[in-house]
Amino acid sequence: MNVLIVDDQYDHKVQSIAKKLKTLGIEKVKHVLNARDAYDELASNKFDLMILDLQIPECFGEDVDINGGVQLLNLISSDDHVEMPSSIVGITSHQESYEVNIYKFVEQGWTLHLFDGEIDFINNIIDNCFKRSKVEQKFDVAFITALRHTEFDALLNNGMSWTELPRDDCNKYYIAKFNDRDGVERTAVATYCPTMGMPVSAAISMKVIHKFNPKLLIMTGIAAGVEGKVNLGDVLIPNLIWDWGSGKITDSENGTALLFDPETITINEQLATEMKDIASKGLYVERIRRDFQGNPPAHSLAIHVGPIASGASVLADSKTIDLIKEQKRSVIGVEMEAYGVLVASKLCGSEPTKTLIIKSVCDFANARKNDDWQKYSAYTSTLVATRIIENHINFRK
């Protein structure tokens, strides 16, 4: 946990805060004396908690500005180059400043305290911050797979050092760290669904979003490809997803018929554009294919961005694939969980959680369906997802 203290003096108050943080096992504490230094730290580092004195100078050597802390908050809130700390705690000893700013802090989900000079007061603030930050810790990425074996095994072998969290519900969770494109250390959490299917993937996605508050949710794993459009092992990244079995069952002249009426969900437009660029340039695929510990298919590896259909059944029937193609001719793949994940990410909060589905082709959902390419496909899906979060995602926004 990284903590930034912004206070124009290194007095008994700041010393008490640092001492209390140390007793809680928090060693990464940075203290700056003015708004400009605070901005520089926030622009170049990720902080989980910022403790801010509202009365600070703009820069070293200048007089204290009674609104200096609030002006800093206004600046970083509107600057895309600065990542807001997960928690912000304001402290002021001025009654008027407290009364003027308390509503702004509450509205933004921050906390503001009127300091009375007592050290016990500081200790209580830190205790509450620490407890809340442990519960509300915000991870940068959350990974979900549908299968414990093959898919999740591939994720745990993606080059990141995963550590299992103490178990506090029916799921197992693993955490790891990685560096993003700017060299900033980021956090990841991963879990898997107990069974396949959209209801379970939606439930697990909602739980992960509430529990870990990720900036980006990713599902990796395997899928069926549409033969003739993609090859075995190819990576599929949907920009549009729908439930191909959604509709109305009715009588017709030829017996019972399903009138398809699916609702489509699209991924974040900026993410979709970035994924298309990665696919068109063929980034990473040659190295990923070459590094596979086994025998990859003879053909080259490719990334495809396009529509994918989700359904409730495992398919080994080319006629059903033809029916799905009638719903959307440009479909490139079929699987069983993505629509549930996208619904959860869309409905789970006031703002949709940015979400990517990155799955690879292990078969073509026809009579020749088998498990021969599942390990390779899980591997290519996982490695492409890993390279994307390391090199392309802007976690500051």
Protein backbone atom coordinates (compact mmCIF):
# COMPACT_ATOMS: atom_id res chain seq x y z
CA MET A 1 0.00 0.00 0.00
CA ASN A 2 1.45 3.39 -1.05
CA VAL A 3 0.57 6.49 0.97
CA LEU A 4 1.18 10.14 0.11
CA ILE A 5 1.11 12.74 2.90
CA VAL A 6 0.75 16.36 1.73
CA ASP A 7 1.46 18.79 4.56
CA ASP A 8 3.60 21.92 4.61
CA GLN A 9 5.23 20.96 7.92
CA TYR A 10 6.94 17.88 9.26
CA ASP A 11 5.45 18.41 12.69
CA HIS A 12 4.08 16.19 15.43
CA LYS A 13 0.92 15.57 13.39
CA VAL A 14 2.78 14.25 10.34
CA GLN A 15 5.21 12.28 12.48
CA SER A 16 2.26 10.65 14.28
CA ILE A 17 0.63 9.74 10.97
CA ALA A 18 3.85 8.15 9.68
CA LYS A 19 4.37 6.28 12.95
CA LYS A 20 0.82 4.95 12.95
CA LEU A 21 1.11 3.81 9.34
CA LYS A 22 4.31 1.96 10.19
CA THR A 23 2.61 0.09 13.05
CA LEU A 24 0.03 -1.07 10.48
CA GLY A 25 2.79 -2.51 8.30
CA ILE A 26 2.72 0.28 5.71
CA GLU A 27 6.30 1.15 4.77
CA LYS A 28 5.77 3.03 1.50
CA VAL A 29 4.98 6.51 2.82
CA LYS A 30 5.96 9.68 0.93
CA HIS A 31 5.74 13.15 2.48
CA VAL A 32 5.72 16.34 0.39
CA LEU A 33 5.42 19.94 1.54
CA ASN A 34 3.48 21.68 -1.23
CA ALA A 35 0.96 21.25 -4.03
CA ARG A 36 3.47 21.23 -6.88
CA ASP A 37 5.54 18.42 -5.37
CA ALA A 38 2.33 16.52 -4.65
CA TYR A 39 1.27 16.84 -8.29
CA ASP A 40 4.65 15.56 -9.48
CA GLU A 41 4.40 12.53 -7.20
CA LEU A 42 0.83 11.76 -8.30
CA ALA A 43 1.76 12.12 -11.97
CA SER A 44 4.58 9.59 -11.71
CA ASN A 45 3.40 7.14 -9.04
CA LYS A 46 0.29 5.26 -7.99
CA PHE A 47 -0.94 5.93 -4.44
CA ASP A 48 -3.63 4.00 -2.60
CA LEU A 49 -4.17 6.71 0.01
CA MET A 50 -3.51 10.46 0.10
CA ILE A 51 -3.69 12.34 3.41
CA LEU A 52 -4.01 16.02 2.55
CA ASP A 53 -3.75 19.15 4.68
CA LEU A 54 -6.09 21.66 3.06
CA GLN A 55 -3.81 24.59 3.92
CA ILE A 56 -0.63 24.17 1.84
CA PRO A 57 1.53 26.44 -0.37
CA GLU A 58 1.52 26.00 -4.13
CA CYS A 59 5.28 25.51 -4.22
CA PHE A 60 8.30 25.59 -1.92
CA GLY A 61 9.06 28.98 -0.39
CA GLU A 62 5.61 30.47 -0.97
CA ASP A 63 3.08 31.39 1.70
CA VAL A 64 0.44 28.90 2.75
CA ASP A 65 -2.74 29.11 0.66
CA ILE A 66 -5.87 28.42 2.70
CA ASN A 67 -7.37 26.77 -0.42
CA GLY A 68 -4.16 25.09 -1.59
CA GLY A 69 -5.30 21.53 -0.90
CA VAL A 70 -8.66 22.01 -2.61
CA GLN A 71 -6.98 23.57 -5.64
CA LEU A 72 -4.69 20.54 -5.85
CA LEU A 73 -7.71 18.22 -5.81
CA ASN A 74 -9.41 20.24 -8.55
CA LEU A 75 -6.26 20.04 -10.66
CA ILE A 76 -5.66 16.31 -10.40
CA SER A 77 -9.37 15.50 -10.83
CA SER A 78 -9.35 17.06 -14.29
CA ASP A 79 -5.90 15.87 -15.43
CA ASP A 80 -5.75 12.62 -17.42
CA HIS A 81 -2.02 12.33 -16.70
CA VAL A 82 -2.66 11.95 -12.98
CA GLU A 83 -4.16 8.88 -11.37
CA MET A 84 -6.38 9.69 -8.42
CA PRO A 85 -5.52 7.82 -5.21
CA SER A 86 -8.05 5.15 -4.28
CA SER A 87 -8.80 6.98 -1.01
CA ILE A 88 -8.40 10.66 -0.12
CA VAL A 89 -8.52 12.01 3.43
CA GLY A 90 -8.51 15.75 4.03
CA ILE A 91 -7.44 17.28 7.34
CA THR A 92 -7.88 20.89 8.44
CA SER A 93 -7.74 22.72 11.75
CA HIS A 94 -9.81 25.61 10.35
CA GLN A 95 -13.52 25.46 11.12
CA GLU A 96 -14.44 27.72 8.20
CA SER A 97 -12.44 25.65 5.72
CA TYR A 98 -14.11 22.50 7.01
CA GLU A 99 -17.61 23.94 6.62
CA VAL A 100 -16.91 25.25 3.11
CA ASN A 101 -15.43 22.00 1.79
CA ILE A 102 -17.16 19.15 3.62
CA TYR A 103 -19.95 18.83 1.05
CA LYS A 104 -17.49 18.66 -1.85
CA PHE A 105 -15.59 15.87 -0.10
CA VAL A 106 -18.73 13.88 0.66
CA GLU A 107 -19.98 14.32 -2.91
CA GLN A 108 -16.71 12.94 -4.30
CA GLY A 109 -16.56 10.00 -1.88
CA TRP A 110 -13.61 11.47 0.04
CA THR A 111 -13.43 12.16 3.78
CA LEU A 112 -12.64 15.44 5.56
CA HIS A 113 -11.78 15.80 9.25
CA LEU A 114 -11.57 18.83 11.51
CA PHE A 115 -8.31 18.31 13.42
CA ASP A 116 -8.48 19.16 17.12
CA GLY A 117 -4.77 18.68 17.87
CA GLU A 118 -5.18 15.33 19.63
CA ILE A 119 -2.96 12.47 18.48
CA ASP A 120 -5.66 9.91 19.31
CA PHE A 121 -7.79 11.69 16.74
CA ILE A 122 -5.09 11.09 14.09
CA ASN A 123 -4.74 7.44 15.09
CA ASN A 124 -8.48 6.86 14.75
CA ILE A 125 -8.48 8.46 11.29
CA ILE A 126 -5.65 6.21 10.11
CA ASP A 127 -7.28 3.10 11.59
CA ASN A 128 -10.52 3.85 9.75
CA CYS A 129 -8.70 4.63 6.49
CA PHE A 130 -6.71 1.42 6.67
CA LYS A 131 -9.76 -0.74 7.38
CA ARG A 132 -11.73 0.86 4.58
CA SER A 133 -8.88 0.68 2.07
CA LYS A 134 -8.45 -3.04 2.76
CA VAL A 135 -12.11 -3.60 2.00
CA GLU A 136 -12.27 -1.21 -0.94
CA GLN A 137 -8.84 -1.88 -2.45
CA LYS A 138 -8.97 -1.12 -6.13
CA PHE A 139 -7.17 -3.55 -8.43
CA ASP A 140 -6.07 -2.50 -11.87
CA VAL A 141 -7.04 -5.74 -13.61
CA ALA A 142 -9.30 -8.66 -12.72
CA PHE A 143 -9.02 -11.89 -14.71
CA ILE A 144 -11.79 -14.48 -14.92
CA THR A 145 -11.73 -17.84 -16.69
CA ALA A 146 -14.53 -20.36 -17.17
CA LEU A 147 -12.49 -23.49 -16.46
CA ARG A 148 -10.21 -24.24 -13.52
CA HIS A 149 -8.08 -26.62 -15.53
CA THR A 150 -6.49 -25.60 -18.81
CA GLU A 151 -7.76 -21.98 -18.87
CA PHE A 152 -6.86 -20.94 -15.32
CA ASP A 153 -3.70 -23.05 -15.36
CA ALA A 154 -2.57 -21.06 -18.39
CA LEU A 155 -3.27 -17.79 -16.56
CA LEU A 156 -1.23 -18.82 -13.52
CA ASN A 157 1.68 -19.49 -15.90
CA ASN A 158 1.58 -16.16 -17.76
CA GLY A 159 4.89 -14.93 -16.31
CA MET A 160 3.43 -13.05 -13.34
CA SER A 161 4.11 -14.28 -9.79
CA TRP A 162 0.66 -15.22 -8.49
CA THR A 163 -0.07 -15.60 -4.77
CA GLU A 164 -3.25 -17.16 -3.42
CA LEU A 165 -5.28 -14.92 -1.12
CA PRO A 166 -6.67 -16.25 2.18
CA ARG A 167 -10.03 -17.75 1.36
CA ASP A 168 -13.04 -15.75 2.58
CA ASP A 169 -15.77 -17.04 0.26
CA CYS A 170 -16.44 -19.99 -2.05
CA ASN A 171 -14.02 -18.75 -4.73
CA LYS A 172 -10.24 -18.94 -4.81
CA TYR A 173 -8.48 -15.66 -5.64
CA TYR A 174 -4.90 -15.05 -6.69
CA ILE A 175 -3.09 -11.72 -6.87
CA ALA A 176 0.01 -10.56 -8.72
CA LYS A 177 1.82 -7.40 -9.80
CA PHE A 178 3.00 -6.26 -13.21
CA ASN A 179 4.41 -3.12 -14.80
CA ASP A 180 2.32 -1.13 -17.25
CA ARG A 181 3.49 0.70 -20.39
CA ASP A 182 4.78 3.61 -18.26
CA GLY A 183 6.73 1.33 -15.92
CA VAL A 184 4.23 1.86 -13.09
CA GLU A 185 3.61 -1.16 -10.87
CA ARG A 186 0.04 -2.43 -11.19
CA THR A 187 -2.06 -5.02 -9.38
CA ALA A 188 -4.02 -7.95 -10.78
CA VAL A 189 -6.46 -10.41 -9.25
CA ALA A 190 -7.68 -13.65 -10.82
CA THR A 191 -10.34 -16.28 -10.24
CA TYR A 192 -12.36 -18.83 -12.17
CA CYS A 193 -15.99 -19.88 -12.51
CA PRO A 194 -17.07 -23.11 -10.79
CA THR A 195 -19.01 -24.16 -13.90
CA MET A 196 -19.44 -22.99 -17.47
CA GLY A 197 -22.27 -20.80 -18.71
CA MET A 198 -23.59 -17.25 -18.72
CA PRO A 199 -25.45 -17.26 -15.36
CA VAL A 200 -22.34 -18.33 -13.46
CA SER A 201 -20.02 -15.99 -15.37
CA ALA A 202 -22.37 -13.07 -14.66
CA ALA A 203 -22.53 -13.91 -10.95
CA ILE A 204 -18.75 -14.29 -10.60
CA SER A 205 -18.13 -11.10 -12.58
CA MET A 206 -20.46 -9.10 -10.34
CA LYS A 207 -18.79 -10.51 -7.23
CA VAL A 208 -15.32 -9.68 -8.53
CA ILE A 209 -16.35 -6.13 -9.47
CA HIS A 210 -17.86 -5.48 -6.03
CA LYS A 211 -15.04 -7.19 -4.14
CA PHE A 212 -12.00 -5.85 -6.00
CA ASN A 213 -13.25 -2.78 -7.90
CA PRO A 214 -11.06 -3.40 -11.00
CA LYS A 215 -10.38 -0.76 -13.60
CA LEU A 216 -10.39 -3.46 -16.28
CA LEU A 217 -12.12 -6.86 -16.28
CA ILE A 218 -10.78 -9.53 -18.64
CA MET A 219 -12.09 -13.00 -19.42
CA THR A 220 -9.60 -15.31 -21.08
CA GLY A 221 -10.05 -18.88 -22.27
CA ILE A 222 -11.20 -20.97 -25.21
CA ALA A 223 -13.97 -20.68 -27.79
CA ALA A 224 -15.25 -22.24 -30.98
CA GLY A 225 -14.30 -20.44 -34.17
CA VAL A 226 -16.26 -20.06 -37.39
CA GLU A 227 -14.45 -22.29 -39.85
CA GLY A 228 -13.11 -20.46 -42.87
CA LYS A 229 -12.79 -17.16 -40.99
CA VAL A 230 -10.31 -18.11 -38.26
CA ASN A 231 -7.77 -20.86 -37.53
CA LEU A 232 -7.11 -23.09 -34.55
CA GLY A 233 -5.34 -21.14 -31.81
CA ASP A 234 -6.28 -17.74 -33.24
CA VAL A 235 -7.20 -15.12 -30.66
CA LEU A 236 -10.73 -13.70 -30.79
CA ILE A 237 -11.53 -10.32 -29.22
CA PRO A 238 -15.23 -9.48 -29.58
CA ASN A 239 -16.32 -5.90 -30.14
CA LEU A 240 -19.96 -7.05 -30.06
CA ILE A 241 -21.56 -9.95 -28.16
CA TRP A 242 -25.07 -11.40 -28.00
CA ASP A 243 -26.93 -14.42 -26.64
CA TRP A 244 -27.69 -16.43 -29.77
CA GLY A 245 -30.45 -18.41 -28.01
CA SER A 246 -32.43 -15.35 -26.97
CA GLY A 247 -35.87 -15.06 -28.53
CA LYS A 248 -39.37 -16.52 -28.52
CA ILE A 249 -40.35 -20.17 -28.97
CA THR A 250 -43.56 -20.39 -30.99
CA ASP A 251 -45.63 -22.70 -33.18
CA SER A 252 -45.19 -22.58 -36.93
CA GLU A 253 -46.34 -24.54 -39.97
CA ASN A 254 -43.24 -26.70 -39.66
CA GLY A 255 -43.58 -27.25 -35.91
CA THR A 256 -41.92 -25.42 -33.03
CA ALA A 257 -39.71 -22.51 -34.06
CA LEU A 258 -37.41 -20.09 -32.28
CA LEU A 259 -37.83 -16.47 -33.30
CA PHE A 260 -34.45 -14.95 -32.57
CA ASP A 261 -34.47 -11.54 -30.89
CA PRO A 262 -31.07 -11.09 -29.26
CA GLU A 263 -29.87 -7.91 -27.56
CA THR A 264 -26.28 -7.04 -28.42
CA ILE A 265 -23.68 -5.52 -26.12
CA THR A 266 -20.62 -3.68 -27.39
CA ILE A 267 -17.34 -3.15 -25.58
CA ASN A 268 -15.86 0.25 -24.77
CA GLU A 269 -15.28 2.11 -28.06
CA GLN A 270 -11.76 3.22 -27.18
CA LEU A 271 -10.80 -0.33 -26.20
CA ALA A 272 -12.29 -1.68 -29.42
CA THR A 273 -10.23 0.75 -31.50
CA GLU A 274 -7.05 -0.21 -29.64
CA MET A 275 -7.75 -3.93 -30.10
CA LYS A 276 -8.30 -3.49 -33.84
CA ASP A 277 -4.96 -1.71 -34.09
CA ILE A 278 -3.20 -4.54 -32.25
CA ALA A 279 -4.88 -7.13 -34.49
CA SER A 280 -4.07 -5.31 -37.74
CA LYS A 281 -0.40 -5.01 -36.81
CA GLY A 282 -0.14 -8.65 -35.72
CA LEU A 283 1.62 -7.64 -32.52
CA TYR A 284 3.16 -10.35 -30.29
CA VAL A 285 1.71 -13.34 -32.17
CA GLU A 286 4.90 -14.66 -33.77
CA ARG A 287 6.79 -14.69 -30.46
CA ILE A 288 3.84 -16.18 -28.57
CA ARG A 289 3.48 -19.03 -31.08
CA ARG A 290 7.23 -19.70 -31.07
CA ASP A 291 7.46 -19.83 -27.26
CA PHE A 292 4.69 -22.42 -26.82
CA GLN A 293 5.96 -25.48 -24.95
CA GLY A 294 4.50 -28.03 -27.34
CA ASN A 295 3.58 -28.45 -30.99
CA PRO A 296 1.55 -25.49 -32.29
CA PRO A 297 -0.51 -25.72 -35.50
CA ALA A 298 1.45 -25.35 -38.72
CA HIS A 299 -0.25 -22.07 -39.63
CA SER A 300 0.70 -18.68 -38.20
CA LEU A 301 -1.13 -17.17 -35.23
CA ALA A 302 -3.50 -14.22 -35.72
CA ILE A 303 -5.71 -11.90 -33.65
CA HIS A 304 -9.26 -11.17 -34.86
CA VAL A 305 -11.67 -8.49 -33.64
CA GLY A 306 -15.34 -9.02 -34.48
CA PRO A 307 -18.75 -10.28 -33.29
CA ILE A 308 -18.94 -13.33 -31.03
CA ALA A 309 -22.09 -15.16 -29.94
CA SER A 310 -22.65 -16.63 -26.48
CA GLY A 311 -24.97 -19.56 -25.82
CA ALA A 312 -26.02 -21.99 -23.12
CA SER A 313 -24.78 -25.17 -24.81
CA VAL A 314 -21.51 -26.74 -25.87
CA LEU A 315 -21.79 -26.99 -29.66
CA ALA A 316 -20.61 -29.80 -31.93
CA ASP A 317 -23.10 -29.13 -34.69
CA SER A 318 -22.31 -27.19 -37.86
CA LYS A 319 -26.02 -26.62 -38.55
CA THR A 320 -26.35 -24.59 -35.36
CA ILE A 321 -23.34 -22.54 -36.40
CA ASP A 322 -25.14 -21.84 -39.69
CA LEU A 323 -28.18 -20.60 -37.72
CA ILE A 324 -25.96 -18.28 -35.69
CA LYS A 325 -24.37 -16.98 -38.89
CA GLU A 326 -27.86 -16.10 -40.10
CA GLN A 327 -28.22 -13.81 -37.07
CA LYS A 328 -24.98 -11.99 -37.91
CA ARG A 329 -22.99 -12.98 -40.97
CA SER A 330 -19.78 -11.43 -39.65
CA VAL A 331 -19.67 -13.64 -36.53
CA ILE A 332 -16.18 -15.06 -35.90
CA GLY A 333 -16.74 -17.28 -32.87
CA VAL A 334 -19.12 -18.88 -30.38
CA GLU A 335 -18.67 -19.53 -26.65
CA MET A 336 -20.66 -19.78 -23.40
CA GLU A 337 -19.74 -16.99 -20.95
CA ALA A 338 -18.88 -13.65 -22.54
CA TYR A 339 -22.41 -12.24 -22.71
CA GLY A 340 -22.89 -12.85 -18.97
CA VAL A 341 -19.61 -11.08 -18.19
CA LEU A 342 -20.56 -8.06 -20.32
CA VAL A 343 -24.04 -7.82 -18.76
CA ALA A 344 -22.52 -7.86 -15.27
CA SER A 345 -19.92 -5.22 -16.11
CA LYS A 346 -22.61 -3.02 -17.65
CA LEU A 347 -25.08 -3.22 -14.75
CA CYS A 348 -22.83 -3.58 -11.71
CA GLY A 349 -22.19 0.10 -10.98
CA SER A 350 -23.09 3.64 -11.89
CA GLU A 351 -20.52 3.42 -14.70
CA PRO A 352 -19.82 0.24 -16.73
CA THR A 353 -16.58 -1.52 -15.86
CA LYS A 354 -14.26 -1.59 -18.86
CA THR A 355 -14.23 -5.19 -20.06
CA LEU A 356 -12.36 -7.29 -22.60
CA ILE A 357 -13.11 -10.84 -23.70
CA ILE A 358 -10.00 -12.51 -25.11
CA LYS A 359 -10.56 -16.13 -26.13
CA SER A 360 -8.81 -18.41 -28.58
CA VAL A 361 -10.14 -20.97 -31.05
CA CYS A 362 -9.86 -24.59 -29.88
CA ASP A 363 -12.35 -26.14 -32.36
CA PHE A 364 -15.01 -25.27 -34.93
CA ALA A 365 -18.09 -26.59 -33.06
CA ASN A 366 -18.64 -29.36 -35.61
CA ALA A 367 -18.54 -33.16 -35.64
CA ARG A 368 -14.72 -33.08 -35.55
CA LYS A 369 -14.75 -31.24 -32.20
CA ASN A 370 -12.15 -32.52 -29.69
CA ASP A 371 -9.89 -31.26 -26.90
CA ASP A 372 -6.59 -31.51 -28.78
CA TRP A 373 -5.99 -27.75 -29.06
CA GLN A 374 -7.40 -26.53 -25.75
CA LYS A 375 -4.01 -26.15 -24.06
CA TYR A 376 -2.53 -24.19 -26.97
CA SER A 377 -5.61 -21.99 -27.26
CA ALA A 378 -5.71 -21.22 -23.54
CA TYR A 379 -2.03 -20.31 -23.77
CA THR A 380 -2.42 -17.92 -26.73
CA SER A 381 -5.46 -16.25 -25.15
CA THR A 382 -3.64 -15.68 -21.86
CA LEU A 383 -0.41 -14.41 -23.39
CA VAL A 384 -2.14 -11.93 -25.70
CA ALA A 385 -4.18 -10.61 -22.75
CA THR A 386 -1.02 -10.26 -20.67
CA ARG A 387 0.83 -8.34 -23.39
CA ILE A 388 -2.17 -6.03 -23.81
CA ILE A 389 -2.29 -5.01 -20.14
CA GLU A 390 1.49 -4.59 -20.04
CA ASN A 391 1.78 -2.45 -23.15
CA HIS A 392 -1.51 -0.87 -24.22
CA ILE A 393 -3.93 -0.06 -21.39
CA ASN A 394 -3.94 3.45 -19.93
CA PHE A 395 -4.73 2.74 -16.28
CA ARG A 396 -4.61 6.42 -15.32
CA LYS A 397 -7.97 7.15 -16.94
